[in-house]
Amino acid sequence: MDTQTVTDDHRNSLGVQLTRRIGDLLAEGLVSLDEAGKIAEFILGKIDKATTHADLIEFLFQLNSKWPFFEPVLQFQQGTVKLEKDKQKVAQMETLIREKQVDAAIATAKTD
């Protein structure tokens, strides 16, 4: 799992996504106001403790295990983390190729 540090912007963006999801759940009648409060409490108690992408995904797994309504947010964040990792890998490969280290670039391409 990725250990890159989570930025405040990323954490805030996730907070907005989760808040919107809670609002949608309330509007659709899928959770009560009391349950929404419990969800918000859980989120506020844990989201700032997530300092790496691995922590963030773990937090979302915990959230989703308690309230499966958050599966779309979990999947989106997993995709976001993978995309960022892939971009970093491509940049590293490009640098290696420019430095004429083709074998190292190929080895990098084969890593997860």
N, C-alpha and C. Protein backbone atom coordinates (compact mmCIF):
# COMPACT_ATOMS: atom_id res chain seq x y z
N MET A 1 0.85 -1.19 0.00
CA MET A 1 0.00 0.00 0.00
C MET A 1 0.88 1.23 0.00
N ASP A 2 0.36 2.29 -0.55
CA ASP A 2 1.11 3.53 -0.69
C ASP A 2 1.28 4.23 0.65
N THR A 3 2.49 4.69 0.90
CA THR A 3 2.77 5.38 2.16
C THR A 3 2.99 6.87 1.95
N GLN A 4 2.65 7.37 0.78
CA GLN A 4 2.81 8.80 0.51
C GLN A 4 1.92 9.60 1.46
N THR A 5 2.43 10.74 1.90
CA THR A 5 1.71 11.59 2.83
C THR A 5 0.47 12.18 2.18
N VAL A 6 -0.62 12.19 2.93
CA VAL A 6 -1.88 12.78 2.47
C VAL A 6 -1.80 14.30 2.66
N THR A 7 -2.14 15.04 1.63
CA THR A 7 -2.14 16.50 1.74
C THR A 7 -3.42 16.97 2.42
N ASP A 8 -3.36 18.16 2.97
CA ASP A 8 -4.56 18.74 3.58
C ASP A 8 -5.66 18.91 2.52
N ASP A 9 -5.28 19.29 1.31
CA ASP A 9 -6.26 19.45 0.23
C ASP A 9 -6.97 18.13 -0.06
N HIS A 10 -6.21 17.06 -0.11
CA HIS A 10 -6.80 15.74 -0.37
C HIS A 10 -7.75 15.35 0.76
N ARG A 11 -7.30 15.54 1.99
CA ARG A 11 -8.12 15.21 3.16
C ARG A 11 -9.40 16.06 3.16
N ASN A 12 -9.27 17.35 2.86
CA ASN A 12 -10.44 18.24 2.82
C ASN A 12 -11.40 17.84 1.72
N SER A 13 -10.85 17.47 0.56
CA SER A 13 -11.69 17.01 -0.55
C SER A 13 -12.47 15.76 -0.16
N LEU A 14 -11.79 14.85 0.52
CA LEU A 14 -12.47 13.64 1.00
C LEU A 14 -13.55 14.01 2.01
N GLY A 15 -13.26 14.95 2.89
CA GLY A 15 -14.26 15.40 3.86
C GLY A 15 -15.51 15.93 3.18
N VAL A 16 -15.32 16.68 2.10
CA VAL A 16 -16.45 17.20 1.33
C VAL A 16 -17.24 16.04 0.72
N GLN A 17 -16.53 15.06 0.14
CA GLN A 17 -17.21 13.89 -0.45
C GLN A 17 -18.05 13.16 0.60
N LEU A 18 -17.46 12.96 1.77
CA LEU A 18 -18.16 12.23 2.83
C LEU A 18 -19.36 13.02 3.34
N THR A 19 -19.19 14.32 3.47
CA THR A 19 -20.30 15.17 3.92
C THR A 19 -21.45 15.13 2.92
N ARG A 20 -21.11 15.22 1.65
CA ARG A 20 -22.16 15.12 0.61
C ARG A 20 -22.86 13.78 0.66
N ARG A 21 -22.08 12.72 0.89
CA ARG A 21 -22.67 11.39 0.95
C ARG A 21 -23.64 11.29 2.12
N ILE A 22 -23.26 11.85 3.26
CA ILE A 22 -24.16 11.84 4.42
C ILE A 22 -25.44 12.61 4.09
N GLY A 23 -25.29 13.75 3.43
CA GLY A 23 -26.46 14.54 3.02
C GLY A 23 -27.38 13.75 2.10
N ASP A 24 -26.77 13.03 1.15
CA ASP A 24 -27.56 12.20 0.23
C ASP A 24 -28.29 11.09 0.98
N LEU A 25 -27.60 10.48 1.92
CA LEU A 25 -28.21 9.39 2.70
C LEU A 25 -29.40 9.90 3.51
N LEU A 26 -29.25 11.09 4.08
CA LEU A 26 -30.36 11.70 4.82
C LEU A 26 -31.52 12.01 3.88
N ALA A 27 -31.22 12.62 2.75
CA ALA A 27 -32.26 13.00 1.78
C ALA A 27 -33.02 11.78 1.26
N GLU A 28 -32.31 10.68 1.09
CA GLU A 28 -32.93 9.45 0.58
C GLU A 28 -33.61 8.65 1.69
N GLY A 29 -33.48 9.11 2.93
CA GLY A 29 -34.10 8.40 4.04
C GLY A 29 -33.39 7.10 4.40
N LEU A 30 -32.13 6.96 4.00
CA LEU A 30 -31.41 5.72 4.28
C LEU A 30 -30.76 5.71 5.67
N VAL A 31 -30.60 6.89 6.26
CA VAL A 31 -30.12 6.99 7.64
C VAL A 31 -30.94 8.04 8.36
N SER A 32 -31.04 7.88 9.66
CA SER A 32 -31.74 8.87 10.48
C SER A 32 -30.78 10.00 10.81
N LEU A 33 -31.32 11.07 11.34
CA LEU A 33 -30.48 12.19 11.77
C LEU A 33 -29.52 11.74 12.87
N ASP A 34 -30.00 10.89 13.77
CA ASP A 34 -29.17 10.37 14.84
C ASP A 34 -28.01 9.53 14.28
N GLU A 35 -28.32 8.67 13.32
CA GLU A 35 -27.28 7.83 12.70
C GLU A 35 -26.29 8.70 11.92
N ALA A 36 -26.78 9.72 11.25
CA ALA A 36 -25.89 10.63 10.52
C ALA A 36 -24.92 11.31 11.48
N GLY A 37 -25.40 11.64 12.66
CA GLY A 37 -24.54 12.23 13.69
C GLY A 37 -23.45 11.26 14.13
N LYS A 38 -23.80 10.00 14.28
CA LYS A 38 -22.82 8.98 14.66
C LYS A 38 -21.77 8.80 13.56
N ILE A 39 -22.23 8.82 12.32
CA ILE A 39 -21.31 8.70 11.19
C ILE A 39 -20.35 9.89 11.18
N ALA A 40 -20.89 11.09 11.34
CA ALA A 40 -20.06 12.30 11.35
C ALA A 40 -19.05 12.26 12.48
N GLU A 41 -19.47 11.81 13.64
CA GLU A 41 -18.58 11.68 14.79
C GLU A 41 -17.42 10.73 14.47
N PHE A 42 -17.76 9.60 13.87
CA PHE A 42 -16.74 8.62 13.50
C PHE A 42 -15.74 9.24 12.53
N ILE A 43 -16.26 9.92 11.51
CA ILE A 43 -15.40 10.53 10.50
C ILE A 43 -14.49 11.59 11.14
N LEU A 44 -15.08 12.47 11.91
CA LEU A 44 -14.29 13.56 12.52
C LEU A 44 -13.25 13.02 13.50
N GLY A 45 -13.54 11.90 14.12
CA GLY A 45 -12.59 11.32 15.07
C GLY A 45 -11.43 10.60 14.42
N LYS A 46 -11.55 10.31 13.13
CA LYS A 46 -10.51 9.50 12.49
C LYS A 46 -9.84 10.15 11.28
N ILE A 47 -10.53 11.01 10.57
CA ILE A 47 -10.00 11.47 9.28
C ILE A 47 -8.68 12.23 9.43
N ASP A 48 -8.52 13.03 10.46
CA ASP A 48 -7.29 13.80 10.63
C ASP A 48 -6.12 12.93 11.08
N LYS A 49 -6.40 11.74 11.57
CA LYS A 49 -5.34 10.83 11.99
C LYS A 49 -4.72 10.09 10.81
N ALA A 50 -5.39 10.14 9.66
CA ALA A 50 -4.88 9.49 8.45
C ALA A 50 -3.80 10.38 7.84
N THR A 51 -2.56 9.98 7.99
CA THR A 51 -1.46 10.81 7.48
C THR A 51 -0.87 10.30 6.18
N THR A 52 -1.12 9.03 5.85
CA THR A 52 -0.65 8.47 4.58
C THR A 52 -1.86 7.96 3.79
N HIS A 53 -1.62 7.68 2.52
CA HIS A 53 -2.71 7.14 1.70
C HIS A 53 -3.15 5.78 2.24
N ALA A 54 -2.22 5.01 2.75
CA ALA A 54 -2.58 3.71 3.34
C ALA A 54 -3.50 3.91 4.55
N ASP A 55 -3.18 4.90 5.38
CA ASP A 55 -4.04 5.22 6.52
C ASP A 55 -5.44 5.64 6.06
N LEU A 56 -5.47 6.44 5.02
CA LEU A 56 -6.73 6.95 4.51
C LEU A 56 -7.62 5.82 4.00
N ILE A 57 -7.02 4.91 3.25
CA ILE A 57 -7.78 3.76 2.74
C ILE A 57 -8.24 2.88 3.90
N GLU A 58 -7.40 2.69 4.90
CA GLU A 58 -7.79 1.90 6.08
C GLU A 58 -8.97 2.56 6.80
N PHE A 59 -8.91 3.88 6.96
CA PHE A 59 -10.01 4.62 7.57
C PHE A 59 -11.30 4.40 6.78
N LEU A 60 -11.21 4.46 5.46
CA LEU A 60 -12.41 4.27 4.63
C LEU A 60 -12.92 2.83 4.70
N PHE A 61 -12.01 1.86 4.81
CA PHE A 61 -12.43 0.47 5.02
C PHE A 61 -13.21 0.34 6.32
N GLN A 62 -12.71 0.97 7.38
CA GLN A 62 -13.40 0.93 8.67
C GLN A 62 -14.77 1.60 8.57
N LEU A 63 -14.82 2.75 7.93
CA LEU A 63 -16.08 3.47 7.75
C LEU A 63 -17.07 2.61 6.97
N ASN A 64 -16.59 2.03 5.89
CA ASN A 64 -17.45 1.21 5.03
C ASN A 64 -17.89 -0.07 5.73
N SER A 65 -17.06 -0.62 6.61
CA SER A 65 -17.47 -1.84 7.32
C SER A 65 -18.60 -1.54 8.30
N LYS A 66 -18.63 -0.32 8.86
CA LYS A 66 -19.72 0.07 9.76
C LYS A 66 -20.95 0.53 8.99
N TRP A 67 -20.72 1.27 7.89
CA TRP A 67 -21.80 1.82 7.08
C TRP A 67 -21.48 1.59 5.61
N PRO A 68 -21.98 0.49 5.05
CA PRO A 68 -21.64 0.12 3.67
C PRO A 68 -22.06 1.15 2.61
N PHE A 69 -22.77 2.17 3.02
CA PHE A 69 -23.18 3.22 2.09
C PHE A 69 -21.97 3.95 1.50
N PHE A 70 -20.82 3.80 2.12
CA PHE A 70 -19.63 4.55 1.70
C PHE A 70 -18.74 3.80 0.73
N GLU A 71 -19.21 2.67 0.23
CA GLU A 71 -18.45 1.88 -0.75
C GLU A 71 -18.02 2.72 -1.96
N PRO A 72 -18.91 3.55 -2.54
CA PRO A 72 -18.47 4.35 -3.70
C PRO A 72 -17.31 5.29 -3.38
N VAL A 73 -17.32 5.87 -2.19
CA VAL A 73 -16.23 6.77 -1.79
C VAL A 73 -14.94 5.98 -1.63
N LEU A 74 -15.02 4.81 -1.01
CA LEU A 74 -13.86 3.95 -0.84
C LEU A 74 -13.27 3.58 -2.20
N GLN A 75 -14.12 3.14 -3.12
CA GLN A 75 -13.64 2.75 -4.44
C GLN A 75 -13.01 3.92 -5.19
N PHE A 76 -13.62 5.09 -5.08
CA PHE A 76 -13.08 6.28 -5.74
C PHE A 76 -11.70 6.61 -5.19
N GLN A 77 -11.55 6.58 -3.87
CA GLN A 77 -10.26 6.90 -3.25
C GLN A 77 -9.20 5.86 -3.60
N GLN A 78 -9.58 4.60 -3.65
CA GLN A 78 -8.63 3.56 -4.05
C GLN A 78 -8.14 3.82 -5.47
N GLY A 79 -9.06 4.20 -6.35
CA GLY A 79 -8.68 4.52 -7.73
C GLY A 79 -7.79 5.75 -7.81
N THR A 80 -8.07 6.74 -6.99
CA THR A 80 -7.27 7.97 -6.95
C THR A 80 -5.85 7.66 -6.51
N VAL A 81 -5.71 6.84 -5.48
CA VAL A 81 -4.39 6.48 -4.97
C VAL A 81 -3.62 5.69 -6.03
N LYS A 82 -4.30 4.75 -6.69
CA LYS A 82 -3.65 3.95 -7.73
C LYS A 82 -3.22 4.83 -8.90
N LEU A 83 -4.06 5.75 -9.31
CA LEU A 83 -3.72 6.65 -10.40
C LEU A 83 -2.49 7.48 -10.06
N GLU A 84 -2.44 8.00 -8.85
CA GLU A 84 -1.29 8.81 -8.42
C GLU A 84 -0.01 7.96 -8.41
N LYS A 85 -0.12 6.73 -7.92
CA LYS A 85 1.02 5.82 -7.92
C LYS A 85 1.50 5.55 -9.34
N ASP A 86 0.56 5.32 -10.24
CA ASP A 86 0.90 5.05 -11.63
C ASP A 86 1.58 6.25 -12.28
N LYS A 87 1.10 7.46 -11.99
CA LYS A 87 1.73 8.67 -12.53
C LYS A 87 3.17 8.80 -12.04
N GLN A 88 3.38 8.51 -10.76
CA GLN A 88 4.73 8.58 -10.20
C GLN A 88 5.65 7.55 -10.85
N LYS A 89 5.11 6.36 -11.09
CA LYS A 89 5.90 5.31 -11.73
C LYS A 89 6.29 5.72 -13.14
N VAL A 90 5.35 6.27 -13.89
CA VAL A 90 5.64 6.71 -15.26
C VAL A 90 6.71 7.80 -15.24
N ALA A 91 6.59 8.75 -14.34
CA ALA A 91 7.59 9.82 -14.25
C ALA A 91 8.96 9.25 -13.94
N GLN A 92 9.02 8.28 -13.03
CA GLN A 92 10.29 7.65 -12.68
C GLN A 92 10.87 6.92 -13.89
N MET A 93 10.01 6.22 -14.63
CA MET A 93 10.47 5.50 -15.81
C MET A 93 10.99 6.47 -16.87
N GLU A 94 10.29 7.57 -17.07
CA GLU A 94 10.74 8.57 -18.04
C GLU A 94 12.12 9.12 -17.67
N THR A 95 12.33 9.38 -16.40
CA THR A 95 13.62 9.88 -15.94
C THR A 95 14.71 8.84 -16.21
N LEU A 96 14.44 7.59 -15.89
CA LEU A 96 15.41 6.52 -16.12
C LEU A 96 15.73 6.37 -17.61
N ILE A 97 14.72 6.48 -18.44
CA ILE A 97 14.94 6.36 -19.89
C ILE A 97 15.78 7.53 -20.39
N ARG A 98 15.49 8.75 -19.92
CA ARG A 98 16.30 9.90 -20.32
C ARG A 98 17.75 9.73 -19.90
N GLU A 99 17.95 9.04 -18.77
CA GLU A 99 19.31 8.80 -18.27
C GLU A 99 19.91 7.54 -18.90
N LYS A 100 19.21 7.00 -19.90
CA LYS A 100 19.65 5.80 -20.64
C LYS A 100 19.78 4.56 -19.75
N GLN A 101 18.94 4.49 -18.75
CA GLN A 101 18.89 3.33 -17.85
C GLN A 101 17.64 2.51 -18.18
N VAL A 102 17.64 1.95 -19.38
CA VAL A 102 16.47 1.25 -19.91
C VAL A 102 16.12 0.03 -19.06
N ASP A 103 17.13 -0.74 -18.64
CA ASP A 103 16.85 -1.93 -17.82
C ASP A 103 16.18 -1.54 -16.51
N ALA A 104 16.64 -0.45 -15.90
CA ALA A 104 16.02 0.01 -14.65
C ALA A 104 14.59 0.48 -14.89
N ALA A 105 14.36 1.12 -16.05
CA ALA A 105 13.00 1.57 -16.39
C ALA A 105 12.07 0.38 -16.56
N ILE A 106 12.56 -0.66 -17.22
CA ILE A 106 11.77 -1.88 -17.42
C ILE A 106 11.47 -2.54 -16.07
N ALA A 107 12.48 -2.59 -15.21
CA ALA A 107 12.27 -3.18 -13.87
C ALA A 107 11.24 -2.38 -13.09
N THR A 108 11.29 -1.07 -13.21
CA THR A 108 10.31 -0.20 -12.54
C THR A 108 8.91 -0.47 -13.07
N ALA A 109 8.79 -0.66 -14.37
CA ALA A 109 7.49 -0.93 -14.99
C ALA A 109 6.88 -2.23 -14.46
N LYS A 110 7.71 -3.18 -14.08
CA LYS A 110 7.23 -4.47 -13.62
C LYS A 110 6.84 -4.49 -12.14
N THR A 111 7.14 -3.41 -11.41
CA THR A 111 6.81 -3.38 -9.99
C THR A 111 5.36 -3.00 -9.79
N ASP A 112 4.83 -3.37 -8.63
CA ASP A 112 3.44 -3.04 -8.31
C ASP A 112 3.33 -1.68 -7.70
